[in-house]
Amino acid sequence: MPYWKLYYHFVWGTKNRLPLIDSVFEPELSRVIAAKAQDMSGFVHAIGGTEDHVHFAVSIPPKIAPAKFIGDVKGNSSHYVNHVIKPDFEFHWQDEYGVFSFGEKNLSAVVKYIQNQKQHHADGTLIAAMEQMDER
């Protein structure tokens, strides 16, 4: 196996940015996202978000394209919500997502930003570039 250190910050929202992620199932949704990433040989650094979007810091091996990785994570997690957590619920992710690469020296800052998502949104201390999910 080759040596690698690749760091990505993904961000994606619920379909139409509806507030579908409630506090009751958010921890289980995060566990499902992390489990799928680990199944794909990813290393999870942080997961956080609000009721309408998710931020995810992860290292993934170079053999997996970021688009394939996030497509599988999003597909698996929405399927889980619709079939296990809330079978009578229509939960969907938007097609778009943002992905940002960063270096190891920025890992702690990215993790802190992700872990404090709710507070950043409440206080208006967002970093606009780290919130972008589509071309503007």
N, C-alpha and C. Protein backbone atom coordinates (compact mmCIF):
# COMPACT_ATOMS: atom_id res chain seq x y z
N MET A 1 0.84 -1.18 0.00
CA MET A 1 0.00 0.00 0.00
C MET A 1 0.89 1.25 0.00
N PRO A 2 0.55 2.24 -0.80
CA PRO A 2 1.37 3.46 -0.83
C PRO A 2 1.16 4.28 0.44
N TYR A 3 2.15 5.10 0.70
CA TYR A 3 2.06 6.05 1.81
C TYR A 3 1.24 7.25 1.34
N TRP A 4 0.32 7.73 2.16
CA TRP A 4 -0.49 8.89 1.78
C TRP A 4 -0.95 9.67 3.01
N LYS A 5 -1.11 10.96 2.82
CA LYS A 5 -1.70 11.87 3.80
C LYS A 5 -2.54 12.85 3.00
N LEU A 6 -3.81 12.58 2.90
CA LEU A 6 -4.73 13.41 2.13
C LEU A 6 -5.87 13.83 3.05
N TYR A 7 -6.15 15.11 3.11
CA TYR A 7 -7.18 15.64 4.00
C TYR A 7 -8.22 16.38 3.18
N TYR A 8 -9.49 16.04 3.44
CA TYR A 8 -10.59 16.67 2.73
C TYR A 8 -11.64 17.17 3.72
N HIS A 9 -12.23 18.29 3.36
CA HIS A 9 -13.37 18.83 4.10
C HIS A 9 -14.54 18.84 3.10
N PHE A 10 -15.51 17.98 3.34
CA PHE A 10 -16.71 17.92 2.51
C PHE A 10 -17.83 18.67 3.23
N VAL A 11 -18.69 19.29 2.45
CA VAL A 11 -19.89 19.91 3.00
C VAL A 11 -21.02 19.68 2.01
N TRP A 12 -22.18 19.25 2.50
CA TRP A 12 -23.34 19.03 1.64
C TRP A 12 -24.61 19.24 2.43
N GLY A 13 -25.68 19.54 1.72
CA GLY A 13 -26.93 19.88 2.36
C GLY A 13 -28.06 18.92 2.06
N THR A 14 -29.12 19.09 2.82
CA THR A 14 -30.34 18.35 2.55
C THR A 14 -30.98 18.91 1.28
N LYS A 15 -31.80 18.12 0.64
CA LYS A 15 -32.47 18.57 -0.58
C LYS A 15 -33.27 19.84 -0.28
N ASN A 16 -33.07 20.84 -1.11
CA ASN A 16 -33.72 22.15 -0.97
C ASN A 16 -33.37 22.83 0.37
N ARG A 17 -32.30 22.36 1.00
CA ARG A 17 -31.83 22.90 2.29
C ARG A 17 -32.94 22.91 3.35
N LEU A 18 -33.81 21.91 3.27
CA LEU A 18 -34.87 21.77 4.28
C LEU A 18 -34.26 21.34 5.61
N PRO A 19 -34.80 21.78 6.73
CA PRO A 19 -34.26 21.42 8.05
C PRO A 19 -34.68 20.00 8.46
N LEU A 20 -34.09 19.01 7.82
CA LEU A 20 -34.50 17.61 8.00
C LEU A 20 -33.69 16.85 9.05
N ILE A 21 -32.54 17.37 9.42
CA ILE A 21 -31.68 16.66 10.37
C ILE A 21 -32.03 17.13 11.78
N ASP A 22 -32.84 16.33 12.48
CA ASP A 22 -33.22 16.75 13.82
C ASP A 22 -32.27 16.15 14.86
N SER A 23 -32.25 16.75 16.02
CA SER A 23 -31.31 16.35 17.07
C SER A 23 -31.54 14.93 17.55
N VAL A 24 -32.73 14.38 17.31
CA VAL A 24 -33.03 13.03 17.76
C VAL A 24 -32.19 12.01 16.99
N PHE A 25 -32.07 12.15 15.66
CA PHE A 25 -31.32 11.15 14.91
C PHE A 25 -29.96 11.64 14.38
N GLU A 26 -29.61 12.87 14.68
CA GLU A 26 -28.32 13.39 14.21
C GLU A 26 -27.13 12.53 14.65
N PRO A 27 -27.05 12.10 15.92
CA PRO A 27 -25.90 11.25 16.31
C PRO A 27 -25.84 9.93 15.53
N GLU A 28 -26.99 9.33 15.28
CA GLU A 28 -27.00 8.08 14.52
C GLU A 28 -26.62 8.32 13.07
N LEU A 29 -27.07 9.42 12.49
CA LEU A 29 -26.68 9.78 11.13
C LEU A 29 -25.17 9.97 11.05
N SER A 30 -24.60 10.63 12.02
CA SER A 30 -23.14 10.82 12.05
C SER A 30 -22.41 9.49 12.14
N ARG A 31 -22.93 8.57 12.94
CA ARG A 31 -22.31 7.24 13.06
C ARG A 31 -22.36 6.49 11.73
N VAL A 32 -23.48 6.62 11.02
CA VAL A 32 -23.62 5.94 9.72
C VAL A 32 -22.65 6.53 8.70
N ILE A 33 -22.53 7.84 8.69
CA ILE A 33 -21.58 8.51 7.78
C ILE A 33 -20.17 8.03 8.09
N ALA A 34 -19.80 8.01 9.36
CA ALA A 34 -18.46 7.58 9.76
C ALA A 34 -18.22 6.11 9.41
N ALA A 35 -19.21 5.27 9.65
CA ALA A 35 -19.06 3.84 9.36
C ALA A 35 -18.83 3.59 7.87
N LYS A 36 -19.57 4.28 7.02
CA LYS A 36 -19.40 4.11 5.58
C LYS A 36 -18.02 4.58 5.15
N ALA A 37 -17.58 5.71 5.70
CA ALA A 37 -16.24 6.21 5.38
C ALA A 37 -15.17 5.20 5.77
N GLN A 38 -15.31 4.63 6.95
CA GLN A 38 -14.34 3.64 7.42
C GLN A 38 -14.39 2.37 6.58
N ASP A 39 -15.58 1.98 6.13
CA ASP A 39 -15.71 0.82 5.23
C ASP A 39 -14.94 1.03 3.93
N MET A 40 -14.80 2.30 3.55
CA MET A 40 -14.09 2.65 2.31
C MET A 40 -12.63 3.03 2.59
N SER A 41 -12.12 2.64 3.75
CA SER A 41 -10.73 2.88 4.17
C SER A 41 -10.45 4.35 4.46
N GLY A 42 -11.48 5.10 4.80
CA GLY A 42 -11.30 6.49 5.19
C GLY A 42 -11.02 6.60 6.67
N PHE A 43 -10.40 7.71 7.05
CA PHE A 43 -10.15 8.02 8.45
C PHE A 43 -10.92 9.29 8.79
N VAL A 44 -11.87 9.18 9.69
CA VAL A 44 -12.75 10.30 10.05
C VAL A 44 -12.08 11.18 11.10
N HIS A 45 -12.04 12.48 10.80
CA HIS A 45 -11.49 13.45 11.74
C HIS A 45 -12.60 14.20 12.48
N ALA A 46 -13.68 14.55 11.78
CA ALA A 46 -14.78 15.28 12.42
C ALA A 46 -16.02 15.24 11.54
N ILE A 47 -17.18 15.23 12.20
CA ILE A 47 -18.48 15.36 11.54
C ILE A 47 -19.29 16.35 12.37
N GLY A 48 -19.92 17.29 11.70
CA GLY A 48 -20.76 18.26 12.39
C GLY A 48 -21.68 18.93 11.40
N GLY A 49 -22.55 19.75 11.89
CA GLY A 49 -23.45 20.45 10.98
C GLY A 49 -24.63 21.04 11.70
N THR A 50 -25.65 21.31 10.92
CA THR A 50 -26.88 21.88 11.44
C THR A 50 -28.04 21.06 10.88
N GLU A 51 -29.25 21.57 11.04
CA GLU A 51 -30.43 20.83 10.59
C GLU A 51 -30.54 20.71 9.08
N ASP A 52 -29.72 21.47 8.33
CA ASP A 52 -29.85 21.40 6.86
C ASP A 52 -28.55 21.10 6.12
N HIS A 53 -27.47 20.85 6.83
CA HIS A 53 -26.24 20.47 6.14
C HIS A 53 -25.23 19.79 7.07
N VAL A 54 -24.26 19.14 6.44
CA VAL A 54 -23.24 18.38 7.16
C VAL A 54 -21.85 18.82 6.70
N HIS A 55 -20.93 18.90 7.65
CA HIS A 55 -19.51 19.11 7.36
C HIS A 55 -18.79 17.83 7.79
N PHE A 56 -17.77 17.45 7.03
CA PHE A 56 -17.11 16.17 7.24
C PHE A 56 -15.64 16.30 6.89
N ALA A 57 -14.76 16.17 7.88
CA ALA A 57 -13.31 16.15 7.64
C ALA A 57 -12.87 14.69 7.66
N VAL A 58 -12.20 14.29 6.59
CA VAL A 58 -11.85 12.88 6.43
C VAL A 58 -10.60 12.75 5.57
N SER A 59 -9.85 11.73 5.83
CA SER A 59 -8.74 11.35 4.96
C SER A 59 -9.16 10.12 4.19
N ILE A 60 -8.99 10.16 2.88
CA ILE A 60 -9.35 9.01 2.05
C ILE A 60 -8.15 8.62 1.20
N PRO A 61 -7.99 7.32 0.96
CA PRO A 61 -6.83 6.89 0.19
C PRO A 61 -6.91 7.35 -1.27
N PRO A 62 -5.75 7.52 -1.91
CA PRO A 62 -5.73 8.04 -3.28
C PRO A 62 -6.39 7.12 -4.31
N LYS A 63 -6.62 5.87 -3.97
CA LYS A 63 -7.27 4.96 -4.93
C LYS A 63 -8.77 5.26 -5.09
N ILE A 64 -9.32 6.09 -4.20
CA ILE A 64 -10.75 6.42 -4.25
C ILE A 64 -10.90 7.90 -4.65
N ALA A 65 -11.63 8.14 -5.72
CA ALA A 65 -11.89 9.51 -6.15
C ALA A 65 -12.82 10.18 -5.13
N PRO A 66 -12.56 11.44 -4.79
CA PRO A 66 -13.44 12.13 -3.85
C PRO A 66 -14.91 12.10 -4.26
N ALA A 67 -15.20 12.23 -5.56
CA ALA A 67 -16.60 12.20 -6.03
C ALA A 67 -17.25 10.84 -5.76
N LYS A 68 -16.52 9.77 -5.98
CA LYS A 68 -17.04 8.43 -5.71
C LYS A 68 -17.26 8.25 -4.20
N PHE A 69 -16.29 8.69 -3.44
CA PHE A 69 -16.36 8.56 -1.98
C PHE A 69 -17.60 9.26 -1.43
N ILE A 70 -17.76 10.54 -1.75
CA ILE A 70 -18.87 11.30 -1.17
C ILE A 70 -20.21 10.83 -1.72
N GLY A 71 -20.24 10.39 -2.97
CA GLY A 71 -21.48 9.83 -3.52
C GLY A 71 -21.92 8.60 -2.75
N ASP A 72 -20.97 7.73 -2.43
CA ASP A 72 -21.30 6.52 -1.67
C ASP A 72 -21.72 6.86 -0.23
N VAL A 73 -21.03 7.81 0.39
CA VAL A 73 -21.37 8.20 1.77
C VAL A 73 -22.77 8.81 1.81
N LYS A 74 -23.06 9.72 0.89
CA LYS A 74 -24.38 10.36 0.87
C LYS A 74 -25.47 9.34 0.56
N GLY A 75 -25.24 8.49 -0.42
CA GLY A 75 -26.24 7.48 -0.79
C GLY A 75 -26.53 6.52 0.34
N ASN A 76 -25.48 6.04 0.98
CA ASN A 76 -25.66 5.10 2.08
C ASN A 76 -26.39 5.75 3.26
N SER A 77 -26.03 6.98 3.58
CA SER A 77 -26.65 7.63 4.74
C SER A 77 -28.11 7.99 4.49
N SER A 78 -28.46 8.44 3.29
CA SER A 78 -29.87 8.75 3.03
C SER A 78 -30.69 7.47 3.01
N HIS A 79 -30.13 6.40 2.46
CA HIS A 79 -30.83 5.10 2.46
C HIS A 79 -31.08 4.66 3.90
N TYR A 80 -30.09 4.80 4.75
CA TYR A 80 -30.23 4.39 6.15
C TYR A 80 -31.33 5.19 6.86
N VAL A 81 -31.34 6.50 6.65
CA VAL A 81 -32.38 7.32 7.27
C VAL A 81 -33.76 6.87 6.80
N ASN A 82 -33.91 6.66 5.49
CA ASN A 82 -35.21 6.32 4.92
C ASN A 82 -35.68 4.90 5.23
N HIS A 83 -34.74 4.00 5.53
CA HIS A 83 -35.13 2.60 5.74
C HIS A 83 -34.94 2.10 7.17
N VAL A 84 -34.17 2.80 7.98
CA VAL A 84 -33.92 2.34 9.35
C VAL A 84 -34.36 3.38 10.39
N ILE A 85 -33.84 4.59 10.27
CA ILE A 85 -34.13 5.61 11.30
C ILE A 85 -35.57 6.09 11.23
N LYS A 86 -36.02 6.48 10.03
CA LYS A 86 -37.37 7.03 9.86
C LYS A 86 -37.98 6.48 8.57
N PRO A 87 -38.47 5.25 8.59
CA PRO A 87 -39.00 4.64 7.36
C PRO A 87 -40.17 5.39 6.74
N ASP A 88 -40.88 6.18 7.49
CA ASP A 88 -42.03 6.91 6.96
C ASP A 88 -41.65 8.34 6.55
N PHE A 89 -40.37 8.59 6.39
CA PHE A 89 -39.83 9.93 6.16
C PHE A 89 -39.22 9.99 4.76
N GLU A 90 -39.28 11.14 4.13
CA GLU A 90 -38.63 11.35 2.83
C GLU A 90 -37.38 12.19 3.07
N PHE A 91 -36.24 11.52 3.20
CA PHE A 91 -34.98 12.20 3.46
C PHE A 91 -34.10 12.09 2.23
N HIS A 92 -33.61 13.24 1.74
CA HIS A 92 -32.74 13.25 0.57
C HIS A 92 -31.67 14.32 0.75
N TRP A 93 -30.49 14.04 0.19
CA TRP A 93 -29.43 15.03 0.11
C TRP A 93 -29.53 15.76 -1.21
N GLN A 94 -29.06 16.99 -1.25
CA GLN A 94 -28.95 17.69 -2.53
C GLN A 94 -27.85 17.02 -3.35
N ASP A 95 -27.90 17.19 -4.66
CA ASP A 95 -26.88 16.59 -5.52
C ASP A 95 -25.51 17.22 -5.32
N GLU A 96 -25.47 18.53 -5.10
CA GLU A 96 -24.22 19.25 -5.00
C GLU A 96 -23.53 18.98 -3.67
N TYR A 97 -22.25 19.30 -3.66
CA TYR A 97 -21.46 19.26 -2.44
C TYR A 97 -20.23 20.13 -2.66
N GLY A 98 -19.61 20.52 -1.59
CA GLY A 98 -18.33 21.21 -1.66
C GLY A 98 -17.26 20.28 -1.13
N VAL A 99 -16.07 20.37 -1.70
CA VAL A 99 -14.93 19.61 -1.18
C VAL A 99 -13.70 20.50 -1.23
N PHE A 100 -12.98 20.51 -0.14
CA PHE A 100 -11.80 21.34 0.00
C PHE A 100 -10.66 20.47 0.52
N SER A 101 -9.52 20.57 -0.09
CA SER A 101 -8.36 19.85 0.45
C SER A 101 -7.61 20.81 1.37
N PHE A 102 -6.93 20.25 2.33
CA PHE A 102 -6.14 21.07 3.25
C PHE A 102 -4.96 20.26 3.76
N GLY A 103 -4.00 20.95 4.33
CA GLY A 103 -2.80 20.29 4.83
C GLY A 103 -2.93 19.87 6.28
N GLU A 104 -2.04 19.00 6.68
CA GLU A 104 -2.05 18.47 8.04
C GLU A 104 -1.95 19.57 9.09
N LYS A 105 -1.21 20.64 8.80
CA LYS A 105 -1.06 21.72 9.78
C LYS A 105 -2.37 22.45 10.04
N ASN A 106 -3.35 22.34 9.13
CA ASN A 106 -4.66 22.98 9.30
C ASN A 106 -5.72 22.03 9.87
N LEU A 107 -5.34 20.79 10.11
CA LEU A 107 -6.31 19.79 10.57
C LEU A 107 -7.04 20.22 11.84
N SER A 108 -6.33 20.68 12.84
CA SER A 108 -6.99 21.02 14.11
C SER A 108 -7.97 22.19 13.93
N ALA A 109 -7.63 23.16 13.08
CA ALA A 109 -8.54 24.29 12.84
C ALA A 109 -9.79 23.85 12.10
N VAL A 110 -9.64 22.96 11.13
CA VAL A 110 -10.80 22.46 10.38
C VAL A 110 -11.70 21.63 11.30
N VAL A 111 -11.09 20.76 12.09
CA VAL A 111 -11.86 19.95 13.05
C VAL A 111 -12.63 20.84 14.02
N LYS A 112 -11.98 21.85 14.54
CA LYS A 112 -12.64 22.76 15.48
C LYS A 112 -13.81 23.48 14.80
N TYR A 113 -13.59 23.93 13.57
CA TYR A 113 -14.66 24.62 12.85
C TYR A 113 -15.87 23.69 12.66
N ILE A 114 -15.61 22.46 12.29
CA ILE A 114 -16.69 21.50 12.06
C ILE A 114 -17.41 21.16 13.38
N GLN A 115 -16.67 20.92 14.42
CA GLN A 115 -17.28 20.56 15.70
C GLN A 115 -18.11 21.69 16.30
N ASN A 116 -17.85 22.93 15.88
CA ASN A 116 -18.58 24.08 16.41
C ASN A 116 -19.55 24.68 15.41
N GLN A 117 -20.04 23.88 14.48
CA GLN A 117 -20.94 24.37 13.44
C GLN A 117 -22.17 25.09 13.99
N LYS A 118 -22.83 24.48 14.92
CA LYS A 118 -24.06 25.09 15.45
C LYS A 118 -23.77 26.46 16.05
N GLN A 119 -22.68 26.57 16.77
CA GLN A 119 -22.31 27.85 17.39
C GLN A 119 -21.93 28.88 16.33
N HIS A 120 -21.17 28.46 15.30
CA HIS A 120 -20.81 29.39 14.22
C HIS A 120 -22.06 29.95 13.54
N HIS A 121 -23.05 29.09 13.32
CA HIS A 121 -24.29 29.56 12.68
C HIS A 121 -25.07 30.49 13.62
N ALA A 122 -25.10 30.17 14.88
CA ALA A 122 -25.82 31.01 15.85
C ALA A 122 -25.15 32.37 16.01
N ASP A 123 -23.82 32.39 15.98
CA ASP A 123 -23.07 33.63 16.22
C ASP A 123 -22.77 34.41 14.94
N GLY A 124 -23.02 33.81 13.79
CA GLY A 124 -22.68 34.47 12.53
C GLY A 124 -21.19 34.52 12.27
N THR A 125 -20.45 33.53 12.77
CA THR A 125 -19.00 33.50 12.60
C THR A 125 -18.57 32.45 11.58
N LEU A 126 -19.34 32.34 10.52
CA LEU A 126 -19.06 31.35 9.48
C LEU A 126 -17.88 31.78 8.62
N ILE A 127 -17.19 30.82 8.07
CA ILE A 127 -16.17 31.07 7.06
C ILE A 127 -16.84 30.72 5.73
N ALA A 128 -17.18 31.73 4.95
CA ALA A 128 -17.99 31.55 3.75
C ALA A 128 -17.43 30.49 2.81
N ALA A 129 -16.13 30.46 2.60
CA ALA A 129 -15.53 29.49 1.68
C ALA A 129 -15.75 28.05 2.16
N MET A 130 -15.83 27.85 3.47
CA MET A 130 -16.00 26.49 4.00
C MET A 130 -17.46 26.07 4.05
N GLU A 131 -18.35 26.95 3.66
CA GLU A 131 -19.78 26.65 3.65
C GLU A 131 -20.30 26.43 2.23
N GLN A 132 -19.49 26.67 1.23
CA GLN A 132 -19.96 26.63 -0.16
C GLN A 132 -20.16 25.20 -0.65
N MET A 133 -21.32 24.97 -1.26
CA MET A 133 -21.67 23.64 -1.73
C MET A 133 -21.90 23.57 -3.23
N ASP A 134 -21.95 24.70 -3.89
CA ASP A 134 -22.16 24.69 -5.34
C ASP A 134 -21.52 25.93 -5.94
N GLU A 135 -21.43 25.93 -7.27
CA GLU A 135 -20.87 27.10 -7.96
C GLU A 135 -21.84 28.25 -7.83
N ARG A 136 -21.30 29.41 -7.65
CA ARG A 136 -22.16 30.59 -7.51
C ARG A 136 -21.93 31.53 -8.64
